Structure formats: C-alpha cells, structure tokens
Amino acid sequence: MMGENLFWAIRGGGGSSFGVITAWKVKLVHVPSIVTVFSIPKSLEQNATTLFMKWQIIANKLPNELFLHSVMGLDAKSSSDSGQTVIVSFTGLYLGKQENLVPLMQNNFAELNLQYDNCTEMSWIQSVLYFAGYSINGSLKVLLQRNKTSTSFKAKSDYVTKPIPVSGLEGLWNMLLEEKSPTLIMSPYGGRMSEISESETPFPHRNGIIYGIQYSVDWDSNEETPKHMDWIRKLYAYMTPYVSMCPRLAYLNYRDLDIGVNRENTSYEEAKSWGMKYFKSNFERLARVKDEIDPSNFFRHEQSIPPLS
C-alpha cells in the first residue's frame, strides 16, 4: 500500500523522483454545459500598457468562474510605420453564458470594452480544443497527437507578488522587440488557488501570488541557438527586480536547468539552490520521502529530489 507521505509527494513533487507511475485516478469536477471564451488583442498603440496595469490589479480577484490571462508577443504595426509592436492579448474562459460574462466584465474591467461579438459559447471540451489552437468543431483525437517538430524552444518562469510598474513594463517592451519570436504568458492565481495552504500539496505557490509568468522563445533548429538562449537569459535577468525574491520562485512544469542541476551524488543542501525555488519549504519534506522510498537515489535526473541524508 502507498503511504500517506508518498501519496502527498507525487501529487505535485514530480513523480519521476520516486518511481514509475503507471496510472492515475482523477476526480472530476462539475462544469456547466456552456462556457464562454474570448480573446482581445491590444497593441502598445491601442493602450496595451494601461490595460495591462489594470489587469494586474484585478486578475487574481475576479470571480472563480472567470479565468482571464494575458499573452504578450509581437505583431506587425497596423500603421504605415514599418516594424513590429508588442501585442498583449487578454484571453478569458468563463464557466457560463456570455449574457452573464459581459456585464461581469463591465463591472470589473470596463476598460477592455468586451462586447458580445467578442465572445463564443461552446462546451467545456471544445474550449480545450480552442486553447490548444485547434478548431472547436474538430475531432478530440487531435489532442492525442504527438507530432515531432523541428522547432527548438527555451522556457523559464517567475512569480509576481506586486504589480510591475509602468517603467518596468516599458523596459520589458523594449526587450521583447529585440527577439524574433518571444511569448510571455501571464497566468493569474487567486481564486481556489489561494484557498489551499502551501503545504497541502508539494506545489506551494498559493496565497500572495498575483500571477505566474512563462517566458518562452522558439526558433528553427537550423538557426543559431546561443543567440536565443542569451536573449531569454537576459530577459530573465532584467525581470529580477519585479518578481518574487528570497527565493526567486519557479514553476516545476516549466523545467529550467538554468536555476540548478544535480550531479550524480548531489546533496540535499546543494539541491536547495533549485529545489526551494520550485517547492519552498516543502522541499525538505519531499527529500524526507525520497529518503524513505529511494535512499539509494536510483530514480534520478537533472532536477530530481535527492535523499535528505
């Protein structure tokens, strides 16, 4: 029988540190028959900076039925000027119909000016297709496809605990314009996330987090990799004053070997350089479980949990 500590550890601590997990049993939650999605892109010339400042204030305080994240990237300028501009897309999923969503948005984020013709109603499973970039009328089997790609990418992560000021955003816009294909995904927390204690699961990023950031850049494998890697590391360094500190937090699912890697016999104290960023104080309990289950550290990789002793 699986012990309580091991069951706790594999639900957010990275199962590959403790063995091979062959099956999961997942408890489903109720969703309404109709959900509503929308996406409104705004360029810098269309007041994206002011809108994002407002988003930072309200995103983690919206009703639990509404998820509203922002995605940053580049697009051609709509004016006669040549070159590119930063685009911030405000993309939402509402567990309900548009007739309830639009007034809710007017009350909480009127500046975005969401209209009924911005909204599309669909089933929840169709919204999964939508957010994965597929046609909502297509087959669900497309979600099972695992096609190889020749594209390379690098991702990093951060957590924001206080709004980034306008001066910080202006520098960020300049950084994005230096790269060919950057993407930043800002995912709000709050809601149910904040109601769960930091120690209930190994995932500790709960109350006090406004939003998480995924930085990513992709490039054709024939291009020069060091150039793009240098850019995203430079961006990460630029963001240092505007994100969580002591430790600077990171999200486990966006594995980032830049923040630290294990050697064959890395100690717990050495692994804390990256482990505390992912798990905060839960890292010690994870190492204790590892000590019980796999003291010889048979199941290991670059960022696996080491035994405590």
Foldseek 3Di string as FASTA:
>chain_A
DDDPLLVQCVPAPPCLQFHDDDDDDDDDDDFDFKKKKFKDKDWVVRVPLVLVLLCLVCQQPAAPQKWKKKKKAWDFDPDPDGAITIMIMIMMMGRDDVVVVQVSCCVRRVVSVDDPVRMDMHGPLLVVCVVVPHHSPDDPCVVVDDDDDQKDKAKWKFFFLDDDDSVLVVVVRVLNSVDDTKMKIKTAAHDPQQVDDLSSHLQRPGPRTGTMIMIMDMDGNVDDVVVVVVSVVVSVVSCVVGGDPPPGATAPVNDDCVQDWDDPQDAQVRLCSHQCRHRNPCLLSSLCVCCVRPQVSPSDDGNHRHHHD
